[in-house]
Amino acid sequence: MEDAENSLSSAAMTPRGRLRVDVPSPLARLILVPALPAFHARYPDIQIDMGVSDRGVDLIGDNVDCVLRGGQITDQSLIARHVGDLQIGVYVAPSYV
């Protein structure tokens, strides 16, 4: 009986389901897509639906669970967490300047 309870408890704690995320193209290409194999190995029961856009997302209306964006949050009804900093630069060919 104890083994059955432990098995059920473990299954209840295993993350599963669908996660809908929306990210800008550079983040998808450089960070998230390369990280997907390791994520799926660690969480095989989570299906990721990834949208790639730079537009504003209505989390409820667009049925999105999580969005990654730069800048300050303007909608105070949302919960935001700082996840990192990116250095941005402008680069040109020497012949351009």
PDB file of N, CA and C in Angstrom:
ATOM      1  N   MET A   1       0.819  -1.185   0.000  1.00  0.00           N
ATOM      2  CA  MET A   1       0.000   0.000   0.000  1.00  0.00           C
ATOM      3  C   MET A   1       0.873   1.264   0.000  1.00  0.00           C
ATOM      4  N   GLU A   2       1.945   1.226   0.764  1.00  0.00           N
ATOM      5  CA  GLU A   2       2.838   2.381   0.837  1.00  0.00           C
ATOM      6  C   GLU A   2       3.473   2.671  -0.521  1.00  0.00           C
ATOM      7  N   ASP A   3       3.845   1.609  -1.262  1.00  0.00           N
ATOM      8  CA  ASP A   3       4.415   1.796  -2.600  1.00  0.00           C
ATOM      9  C   ASP A   3       3.415   2.468  -3.530  1.00  0.00           C
ATOM     10  N   ALA A   4       2.153   2.071  -3.432  1.00  0.00           N
ATOM     11  CA  ALA A   4       1.111   2.672  -4.274  1.00  0.00           C
ATOM     12  C   ALA A   4       0.936   4.145  -3.933  1.00  0.00           C
ATOM     13  N   GLU A   5       0.937   4.472  -2.649  1.00  0.00           N
ATOM     14  CA  GLU A   5       0.800   5.865  -2.232  1.00  0.00           C
ATOM     15  C   GLU A   5       1.991   6.693  -2.708  1.00  0.00           C
ATOM     16  N   ASN A   6       3.189   6.146  -2.594  1.00  0.00           N
ATOM     17  CA  ASN A   6       4.384   6.857  -3.058  1.00  0.00           C
ATOM     18  C   ASN A   6       4.342   7.078  -4.556  1.00  0.00           C
ATOM     19  N   SER A   7       3.858   6.075  -5.288  1.00  0.00           N
ATOM     20  CA  SER A   7       3.751   6.195  -6.742  1.00  0.00           C
ATOM     21  C   SER A   7       2.759   7.285  -7.120  1.00  0.00           C
ATOM     22  N   LEU A   8       1.611   7.321  -6.461  1.00  0.00           N
ATOM     23  CA  LEU A   8       0.607   8.354  -6.736  1.00  0.00           C
ATOM     24  C   LEU A   8       1.122   9.732  -6.352  1.00  0.00           C
ATOM     25  N   SER A   9       1.802   9.819  -5.227  1.00  0.00           N
ATOM     26  CA  SER A   9       2.358  11.098  -4.790  1.00  0.00           C
ATOM     27  C   SER A   9       3.393  11.599  -5.783  1.00  0.00           C
ATOM     28  N   SER A  10       4.243  10.709  -6.265  1.00  0.00           N
ATOM     29  CA  SER A  10       5.261  11.087  -7.244  1.00  0.00           C
ATOM     30  C   SER A  10       4.628  11.531  -8.549  1.00  0.00           C
ATOM     31  N   ALA A  11       3.584  10.825  -8.995  1.00  0.00           N
ATOM     32  CA  ALA A  11       2.900  11.191 -10.242  1.00  0.00           C
ATOM     33  C   ALA A  11       2.235  12.549 -10.115  1.00  0.00           C
ATOM     34  N   ALA A  12       1.693  12.854  -8.943  1.00  0.00           N
ATOM     35  CA  ALA A  12       1.026  14.142  -8.740  1.00  0.00           C
ATOM     36  C   ALA A  12       2.030  15.284  -8.744  1.00  0.00           C
ATOM     37  N   MET A  13       3.281  15.017  -8.381  1.00  0.00           N
ATOM     38  CA  MET A  13       4.291  16.063  -8.322  1.00  0.00           C
ATOM     39  C   MET A  13       5.037  16.225  -9.644  1.00  0.00           C
ATOM     40  N   THR A  14       4.832  15.312 -10.582  1.00  0.00           N
ATOM     41  CA  THR A  14       5.516  15.383 -11.868  1.00  0.00           C
ATOM     42  C   THR A  14       4.842  16.428 -12.746  1.00  0.00           C
ATOM     43  N   PRO A  15       5.572  17.455 -13.185  1.00  0.00           N
ATOM     44  CA  PRO A  15       4.954  18.459 -14.062  1.00  0.00           C
ATOM     45  C   PRO A  15       4.496  17.820 -15.370  1.00  0.00           C
ATOM     46  N   ARG A  16       3.278  18.168 -15.778  1.00  0.00           N
ATOM     47  CA  ARG A  16       2.747  17.645 -17.023  1.00  0.00           C
ATOM     48  C   ARG A  16       1.745  18.620 -17.597  1.00  0.00           C
ATOM     49  N   GLY A  17       1.489  18.488 -18.874  1.00  0.00           N
ATOM     50  CA  GLY A  17       0.497  19.335 -19.520  1.00  0.00           C
ATOM     51  C   GLY A  17       1.105  20.161 -20.633  1.00  0.00           C
ATOM     52  N   ARG A  18       0.350  21.158 -21.032  1.00  0.00           N
ATOM     53  CA  ARG A  18       0.745  22.022 -22.141  1.00  0.00           C
ATOM     54  C   ARG A  18       1.155  23.379 -21.587  1.00  0.00           C
ATOM     55  N   LEU A  19       2.262  23.910 -22.089  1.00  0.00           N
ATOM     56  CA  LEU A  19       2.746  25.237 -21.709  1.00  0.00           C
ATOM     57  C   LEU A  19       2.827  26.069 -22.976  1.00  0.00           C
ATOM     58  N   ARG A  20       2.044  27.141 -23.018  1.00  0.00           N
ATOM     59  CA  ARG A  20       2.017  28.019 -24.192  1.00  0.00           C
ATOM     60  C   ARG A  20       2.852  29.255 -23.892  1.00  0.00           C
ATOM     61  N   VAL A  21       3.924  29.436 -24.669  1.00  0.00           N
ATOM     62  CA  VAL A  21       4.829  30.568 -24.455  1.00  0.00           C
ATOM     63  C   VAL A  21       4.944  31.387 -25.731  1.00  0.00           C
ATOM     64  N   ASP A  22       5.269  32.649 -25.577  1.00  0.00           N
ATOM     65  CA  ASP A  22       5.512  33.523 -26.721  1.00  0.00           C
ATOM     66  C   ASP A  22       6.787  34.305 -26.434  1.00  0.00           C
ATOM     67  N   VAL A  23       7.703  34.285 -27.394  1.00  0.00           N
ATOM     68  CA  VAL A  23       9.007  34.922 -27.212  1.00  0.00           C
ATOM     69  C   VAL A  23       9.409  35.661 -28.475  1.00  0.00           C
ATOM     70  N   PRO A  24      10.256  36.678 -28.357  1.00  0.00           N
ATOM     71  CA  PRO A  24      10.796  37.338 -29.549  1.00  0.00           C
ATOM     72  C   PRO A  24      11.696  36.373 -30.332  1.00  0.00           C
ATOM     73  N   SER A  25      11.795  36.597 -31.619  1.00  0.00           N
ATOM     74  CA  SER A  25      12.565  35.724 -32.503  1.00  0.00           C
ATOM     75  C   SER A  25      14.009  35.495 -32.044  1.00  0.00           C
ATOM     76  N   PRO A  26      14.756  36.544 -31.674  1.00  0.00           N
ATOM     77  CA  PRO A  26      16.147  36.290 -31.254  1.00  0.00           C
ATOM     78  C   PRO A  26      16.252  35.377 -30.032  1.00  0.00           C
ATOM     79  N   LEU A  27      15.350  35.545 -29.059  1.00  0.00           N
ATOM     80  CA  LEU A  27      15.385  34.681 -27.874  1.00  0.00           C
ATOM     81  C   LEU A  27      15.041  33.244 -28.239  1.00  0.00           C
ATOM     82  N   ALA A  28      14.064  33.082 -29.119  1.00  0.00           N
ATOM     83  CA  ALA A  28      13.693  31.731 -29.545  1.00  0.00           C
ATOM     84  C   ALA A  28      14.869  31.056 -30.231  1.00  0.00           C
ATOM     85  N   ARG A  29      15.470  31.756 -31.172  1.00  0.00           N
ATOM     86  CA  ARG A  29      16.537  31.173 -31.992  1.00  0.00           C
ATOM     87  C   ARG A  29      17.809  30.915 -31.187  1.00  0.00           C
ATOM     88  N   LEU A  30      18.188  31.860 -30.346  1.00  0.00           N
ATOM     89  CA  LEU A  30      19.479  31.764 -29.665  1.00  0.00           C
ATOM     90  C   LEU A  30      19.439  31.045 -28.319  1.00  0.00           C
ATOM     91  N   ILE A  31      18.293  31.078 -27.644  1.00  0.00           N
ATOM     92  CA  ILE A  31      18.247  30.544 -26.283  1.00  0.00           C
ATOM     93  C   ILE A  31      17.256  29.388 -26.135  1.00  0.00           C
ATOM     94  N   LEU A  32      15.983  29.622 -26.474  1.00  0.00           N
ATOM     95  CA  LEU A  32      14.971  28.613 -26.168  1.00  0.00           C
ATOM     96  C   LEU A  32      15.043  27.370 -27.041  1.00  0.00           C
ATOM     97  N   VAL A  33      15.127  27.538 -28.345  1.00  0.00           N
ATOM     98  CA  VAL A  33      15.165  26.359 -29.220  1.00  0.00           C
ATOM     99  C   VAL A  33      16.359  25.458 -28.888  1.00  0.00           C
ATOM    100  N   PRO A  34      17.567  26.002 -28.692  1.00  0.00           N
ATOM    101  CA  PRO A  34      18.677  25.116 -28.308  1.00  0.00           C
ATOM    102  C   PRO A  34      18.469  24.425 -26.954  1.00  0.00           C
ATOM    103  N   ALA A  35      17.668  25.022 -26.065  1.00  0.00           N
ATOM    104  CA  ALA A  35      17.446  24.441 -24.739  1.00  0.00           C
ATOM    105  C   ALA A  35      16.323  23.407 -24.716  1.00  0.00           C
ATOM    106  N   LEU A  36      15.543  23.300 -25.787  1.00  0.00           N
ATOM    107  CA  LEU A  36      14.392  22.395 -25.793  1.00  0.00           C
ATOM    108  C   LEU A  36      14.745  20.927 -25.570  1.00  0.00           C
ATOM    109  N   PRO A  37      15.778  20.371 -26.195  1.00  0.00           N
ATOM    110  CA  PRO A  37      16.070  18.952 -25.937  1.00  0.00           C
ATOM    111  C   PRO A  37      16.324  18.650 -24.454  1.00  0.00           C
ATOM    112  N   ALA A  38      17.083  19.495 -23.786  1.00  0.00           N
ATOM    113  CA  ALA A  38      17.348  19.277 -22.359  1.00  0.00           C
ATOM    114  C   ALA A  38      16.072  19.444 -21.541  1.00  0.00           C
ATOM    115  N   PHE A  39      15.235  20.419 -21.917  1.00  0.00           N
ATOM    116  CA  PHE A  39      13.974  20.626 -21.207  1.00  0.00           C
ATOM    117  C   PHE A  39      13.082  19.398 -21.351  1.00  0.00           C
ATOM    118  N   HIS A  40      12.957  18.883 -22.584  1.00  0.00           N
ATOM    119  CA  HIS A  40      12.104  17.713 -22.814  1.00  0.00           C
ATOM    120  C   HIS A  40      12.664  16.466 -22.137  1.00  0.00           C
ATOM    121  N   ALA A  41      13.974  16.361 -22.028  1.00  0.00           N
ATOM    122  CA  ALA A  41      14.558  15.229 -21.311  1.00  0.00           C
ATOM    123  C   ALA A  41      14.215  15.299 -19.825  1.00  0.00           C
ATOM    124  N   ARG A  42      14.196  16.508 -19.289  1.00  0.00           N
ATOM    125  CA  ARG A  42      13.898  16.675 -17.861  1.00  0.00           C
ATOM    126  C   ARG A  42      12.404  16.630 -17.574  1.00  0.00           C
ATOM    127  N   TYR A  43      11.585  17.157 -18.502  1.00  0.00           N
ATOM    128  CA  TYR A  43      10.136  17.223 -18.317  1.00  0.00           C
ATOM    129  C   TYR A  43       9.431  16.602 -19.525  1.00  0.00           C
ATOM    130  N   PRO A  44       9.482  15.290 -19.670  1.00  0.00           N
ATOM    131  CA  PRO A  44       8.924  14.659 -20.869  1.00  0.00           C
ATOM    132  C   PRO A  44       7.408  14.782 -20.992  1.00  0.00           C
ATOM    133  N   ASP A  45       6.722  15.080 -19.901  1.00  0.00           N
ATOM    134  CA  ASP A  45       5.258  15.157 -19.943  1.00  0.00           C
ATOM    135  C   ASP A  45       4.737  16.570 -20.168  1.00  0.00           C
ATOM    136  N   ILE A  46       5.628  17.505 -20.491  1.00  0.00           N
ATOM    137  CA  ILE A  46       5.200  18.870 -20.790  1.00  0.00           C
ATOM    138  C   ILE A  46       5.326  19.102 -22.285  1.00  0.00           C
ATOM    139  N   GLN A  47       4.212  19.522 -22.884  1.00  0.00           N
ATOM    140  CA  GLN A  47       4.204  19.871 -24.309  1.00  0.00           C
ATOM    141  C   GLN A  47       4.297  21.389 -24.412  1.00  0.00           C
ATOM    142  N   ILE A  48       5.260  21.876 -25.183  1.00  0.00           N
ATOM    143  CA  ILE A  48       5.446  23.319 -25.341  1.00  0.00           C
ATOM    144  C   ILE A  48       4.888  23.763 -26.679  1.00  0.00           C
ATOM    145  N   ASP A  49       4.011  24.755 -26.625  1.00  0.00           N
ATOM    146  CA  ASP A  49       3.537  25.443 -27.825  1.00  0.00           C
ATOM    147  C   ASP A  49       4.219  26.803 -27.818  1.00  0.00           C
ATOM    148  N   MET A  50       5.161  27.015 -28.736  1.00  0.00           N
ATOM    149  CA  MET A  50       5.929  28.255 -28.738  1.00  0.00           C
ATOM    150  C   MET A  50       5.499  29.155 -29.882  1.00  0.00           C
ATOM    151  N   GLY A  51       5.089  30.365 -29.518  1.00  0.00           N
ATOM    152  CA  GLY A  51       4.832  31.398 -30.503  1.00  0.00           C
ATOM    153  C   GLY A  51       6.046  32.305 -30.563  1.00  0.00           C
ATOM    154  N   VAL A  52       6.373  32.754 -31.754  1.00  0.00           N
ATOM    155  CA  VAL A  52       7.536  33.627 -31.928  1.00  0.00           C
ATOM    156  C   VAL A  52       7.052  34.920 -32.561  1.00  0.00           C
ATOM    157  N   SER A  53       7.084  35.999 -31.763  1.00  0.00           N
ATOM    158  CA  SER A  53       6.634  37.297 -32.271  1.00  0.00           C
ATOM    159  C   SER A  53       7.207  38.403 -31.400  1.00  0.00           C
ATOM    160  N   ASP A  54       7.160  39.609 -31.936  1.00  0.00           N
ATOM    161  CA  ASP A  54       7.602  40.781 -31.182  1.00  0.00           C
ATOM    162  C   ASP A  54       6.425  41.662 -30.789  1.00  0.00           C
ATOM    163  N   ARG A  55       5.244  41.240 -31.122  1.00  0.00           N
ATOM    164  CA  ARG A  55       4.050  42.040 -30.835  1.00  0.00           C
ATOM    165  C   ARG A  55       3.633  41.862 -29.378  1.00  0.00           C
ATOM    166  N   GLY A  56       2.807  42.776 -28.912  1.00  0.00           N
ATOM    167  CA  GLY A  56       2.237  42.626 -27.588  1.00  0.00           C
ATOM    168  C   GLY A  56       1.290  41.441 -27.577  1.00  0.00           C
ATOM    169  N   VAL A  57       1.238  40.727 -26.482  1.00  0.00           N
ATOM    170  CA  VAL A  57       0.402  39.538 -26.384  1.00  0.00           C
ATOM    171  C   VAL A  57      -0.627  39.745 -25.284  1.00  0.00           C
ATOM    172  N   ASP A  58      -1.878  39.450 -25.603  1.00  0.00           N
ATOM    173  CA  ASP A  58      -2.949  39.421 -24.608  1.00  0.00           C
ATOM    174  C   ASP A  58      -2.964  38.000 -24.049  1.00  0.00           C
ATOM    175  N   LEU A  59      -2.407  37.813 -22.860  1.00  0.00           N
ATOM    176  CA  LEU A  59      -2.248  36.470 -22.317  1.00  0.00           C
ATOM    177  C   LEU A  59      -3.566  35.700 -22.268  1.00  0.00           C
ATOM    178  N   ILE A  60      -4.635  36.350 -21.846  1.00  0.00           N
ATOM    179  CA  ILE A  60      -5.929  35.670 -21.764  1.00  0.00           C
ATOM    180  C   ILE A  60      -6.520  35.492 -23.158  1.00  0.00           C
ATOM    181  N   GLY A  61      -6.617  36.570 -23.907  1.00  0.00           N
ATOM    182  CA  GLY A  61      -7.237  36.525 -25.231  1.00  0.00           C
ATOM    183  C   GLY A  61      -6.500  35.644 -26.215  1.00  0.00           C
ATOM    184  N   ASP A  62      -5.169  35.611 -26.117  1.00  0.00           N
ATOM    185  CA  ASP A  62      -4.366  34.805 -27.034  1.00  0.00           C
ATOM    186  C   ASP A  62      -4.079  33.409 -26.481  1.00  0.00           C
ATOM    187  N   ASN A  63      -4.622  33.117 -25.292  1.00  0.00           N
ATOM    188  CA  ASN A  63      -4.452  31.800 -24.667  1.00  0.00           C
ATOM    189  C   ASN A  63      -2.968  31.444 -24.503  1.00  0.00           C
ATOM    190  N   VAL A  64      -2.209  32.377 -23.934  1.00  0.00           N
ATOM    191  CA  VAL A  64      -0.771  32.202 -23.715  1.00  0.00           C
ATOM    192  C   VAL A  64      -0.521  32.155 -22.209  1.00  0.00           C
ATOM    193  N   ASP A  65       0.322  31.215 -21.781  1.00  0.00           N
ATOM    194  CA  ASP A  65       0.630  31.072 -20.354  1.00  0.00           C
ATOM    195  C   ASP A  65       1.775  31.965 -19.902  1.00  0.00           C
ATOM    196  N   CYS A  66       2.762  32.143 -20.777  1.00  0.00           N
ATOM    197  CA  CYS A  66       3.984  32.838 -20.388  1.00  0.00           C
ATOM    198  C   CYS A  66       4.537  33.577 -21.594  1.00  0.00           C
ATOM    199  N   VAL A  67       5.016  34.781 -21.367  1.00  0.00           N
ATOM    200  CA  VAL A  67       5.608  35.566 -22.448  1.00  0.00           C
ATOM    201  C   VAL A  67       6.923  36.153 -21.944  1.00  0.00           C
ATOM    202  N   LEU A  68       7.928  36.153 -22.799  1.00  0.00           N
ATOM    203  CA  LEU A  68       9.207  36.784 -22.472  1.00  0.00           C
ATOM    204  C   LEU A  68       9.334  38.046 -23.305  1.00  0.00           C
ATOM    205  N   ARG A  69       9.543  39.171 -22.645  1.00  0.00           N
ATOM    206  CA  ARG A  69       9.690  40.454 -23.327  1.00  0.00           C
ATOM    207  C   ARG A  69      10.713  41.292 -22.589  1.00  0.00           C
ATOM    208  N   GLY A  70      11.281  42.241 -23.297  1.00  0.00           N
ATOM    209  CA  GLY A  70      12.203  43.177 -22.685  1.00  0.00           C
ATOM    210  C   GLY A  70      11.464  44.420 -22.233  1.00  0.00           C
ATOM    211  N   GLY A  71      12.079  45.153 -21.324  1.00  0.00           N
ATOM    212  CA  GLY A  71      11.512  46.422 -20.891  1.00  0.00           C
ATOM    213  C   GLY A  71      10.682  46.309 -19.632  1.00  0.00           C
ATOM    214  N   GLN A  72       9.996  47.393 -19.349  1.00  0.00           N
ATOM    215  CA  GLN A  72       9.173  47.477 -18.146  1.00  0.00           C
ATOM    216  C   GLN A  72       7.762  46.979 -18.432  1.00  0.00           C
ATOM    217  N   ILE A  73       7.159  46.380 -17.435  1.00  0.00           N
ATOM    218  CA  ILE A  73       5.786  45.908 -17.568  1.00  0.00           C
ATOM    219  C   ILE A  73       4.835  47.099 -17.451  1.00  0.00           C
ATOM    220  N   THR A  74       3.852  47.150 -18.324  1.00  0.00           N
ATOM    221  CA  THR A  74       2.891  48.249 -18.285  1.00  0.00           C
ATOM    222  C   THR A  74       1.550  47.810 -17.717  1.00  0.00           C
ATOM    223  N   ASP A  75       1.228  46.535 -17.812  1.00  0.00           N
ATOM    224  CA  ASP A  75      -0.035  46.008 -17.293  1.00  0.00           C
ATOM    225  C   ASP A  75       0.203  45.508 -15.873  1.00  0.00           C
ATOM    226  N   GLN A  76      -0.266  46.259 -14.890  1.00  0.00           N
ATOM    227  CA  GLN A  76      -0.010  45.930 -13.490  1.00  0.00           C
ATOM    228  C   GLN A  76      -0.767  44.699 -13.009  1.00  0.00           C
ATOM    229  N   SER A  77      -1.683  44.168 -13.835  1.00  0.00           N
ATOM    230  CA  SER A  77      -2.395  42.954 -13.439  1.00  0.00           C
ATOM    231  C   SER A  77      -1.557  41.703 -13.712  1.00  0.00           C
ATOM    232  N   LEU A  78      -0.431  41.861 -14.408  1.00  0.00           N
ATOM    233  CA  LEU A  78       0.433  40.730 -14.725  1.00  0.00           C
ATOM    234  C   LEU A  78       1.531  40.580 -13.678  1.00  0.00           C
ATOM    235  N   ILE A  79       2.046  39.386 -13.557  1.00  0.00           N
ATOM    236  CA  ILE A  79       3.164  39.115 -12.661  1.00  0.00           C
ATOM    237  C   ILE A  79       4.418  39.019 -13.517  1.00  0.00           C
ATOM    238  N   ALA A  80       5.422  39.817 -13.191  1.00  0.00           N
ATOM    239  CA  ALA A  80       6.656  39.844 -13.982  1.00  0.00           C
ATOM    240  C   ALA A  80       7.836  39.442 -13.108  1.00  0.00           C
ATOM    241  N   ARG A  81       8.782  38.757 -13.722  1.00  0.00           N
ATOM    242  CA  ARG A  81      10.027  38.388 -13.054  1.00  0.00           C
ATOM    243  C   ARG A  81      11.189  38.743 -13.967  1.00  0.00           C
ATOM    244  N   HIS A  82      12.227  39.309 -13.405  1.00  0.00           N
ATOM    245  CA  HIS A  82      13.450  39.606 -14.150  1.00  0.00           C
ATOM    246  C   HIS A  82      14.197  38.288 -14.337  1.00  0.00           C
ATOM    247  N   VAL A  83      14.483  37.915 -15.574  1.00  0.00           N
ATOM    248  CA  VAL A  83      15.167  36.643 -15.829  1.00  0.00           C
ATOM    249  C   VAL A  83      16.565  36.823 -16.401  1.00  0.00           C
ATOM    250  N   GLY A  84      16.934  38.040 -16.761  1.00  0.00           N
ATOM    251  CA  GLY A  84      18.279  38.242 -17.278  1.00  0.00           C
ATOM    252  C   GLY A  84      18.436  39.568 -17.972  1.00  0.00           C
ATOM    253  N   ASP A  85      19.662  39.867 -18.319  1.00  0.00           N
ATOM    254  CA  ASP A  85      19.998  41.092 -19.034  1.00  0.00           C
ATOM    255  C   ASP A  85      20.651  40.726 -20.359  1.00  0.00           C
ATOM    256  N   LEU A  86      20.352  41.502 -21.375  1.00  0.00           N
ATOM    257  CA  LEU A  86      20.965  41.318 -22.686  1.00  0.00           C
ATOM    258  C   LEU A  86      21.721  42.580 -23.052  1.00  0.00           C
ATOM    259  N   GLN A  87      22.887  42.410 -23.642  1.00  0.00           N
ATOM    260  CA  GLN A  87      23.622  43.556 -24.150  1.00  0.00           C
ATOM    261  C   GLN A  87      23.266  43.721 -25.617  1.00  0.00           C
ATOM    262  N   ILE A  88      22.897  44.923 -25.970  1.00  0.00           N
ATOM    263  CA  ILE A  88      22.490  45.216 -27.337  1.00  0.00           C
ATOM    264  C   ILE A  88      23.500  46.176 -27.938  1.00  0.00           C
ATOM    265  N   GLY A  89      23.843  45.949 -29.184  1.00  0.00           N
ATOM    266  CA  GLY A  89      24.795  46.823 -29.853  1.00  0.00           C
ATOM    267  C   GLY A  89      24.386  47.066 -31.291  1.00  0.00           C
ATOM    268  N   VAL A  90      24.924  48.116 -31.862  1.00  0.00           N
ATOM    269  CA  VAL A  90      24.729  48.421 -33.279  1.00  0.00           C
ATOM    270  C   VAL A  90      26.071  48.198 -33.955  1.00  0.00           C
ATOM    271  N   TYR A  91      26.079  47.407 -35.009  1.00  0.00           N
ATOM    272  CA  TYR A  91      27.318  47.055 -35.692  1.00  0.00           C
ATOM    273  C   TYR A  91      27.176  47.386 -37.172  1.00  0.00           C
ATOM    274  N   VAL A  92      28.223  47.979 -37.743  1.00  0.00           N
ATOM    275  CA  VAL A  92      28.214  48.327 -39.169  1.00  0.00           C
ATOM    276  C   VAL A  92      29.566  47.971 -39.781  1.00  0.00           C
ATOM    277  N   ALA A  93      29.539  47.812 -41.080  1.00  0.00           N
ATOM    278  CA  ALA A  93      30.784  47.569 -41.811  1.00  0.00           C
ATOM    279  C   ALA A  93      31.624  48.842 -41.807  1.00  0.00           C
ATOM    280  N   PRO A  94      32.945  48.728 -41.756  1.00  0.00           N
ATOM    281  CA  PRO A  94      33.804  49.923 -41.768  1.00  0.00           C
ATOM    282  C   PRO A  94      33.531  50.830 -42.964  1.00  0.00           C
ATOM    283  N   SER A  95      33.148  50.257 -44.077  1.00  0.00           N
ATOM    284  CA  SER A  95      32.882  51.076 -45.263  1.00  0.00           C
ATOM    285  C   SER A  95      31.626  51.929 -45.112  1.00  0.00           C
ATOM    286  N   TYR A  96      30.762  51.579 -44.160  1.00  0.00           N
ATOM    287  CA  TYR A  96      29.532  52.338 -43.946  1.00  0.00           C
ATOM    288  C   TYR A  96      29.812  53.656 -43.231  1.00  0.00           C
ATOM    289  N   VAL A  97      30.788  53.663 -42.332  1.00  0.00           N
ATOM    290  CA  VAL A  97      31.093  54.880 -41.572  1.00  0.00           C
ATOM    291  C   VAL A  97      32.129  55.625 -42.302  1.00  0.00           C
TER     292      VAL A  97
END
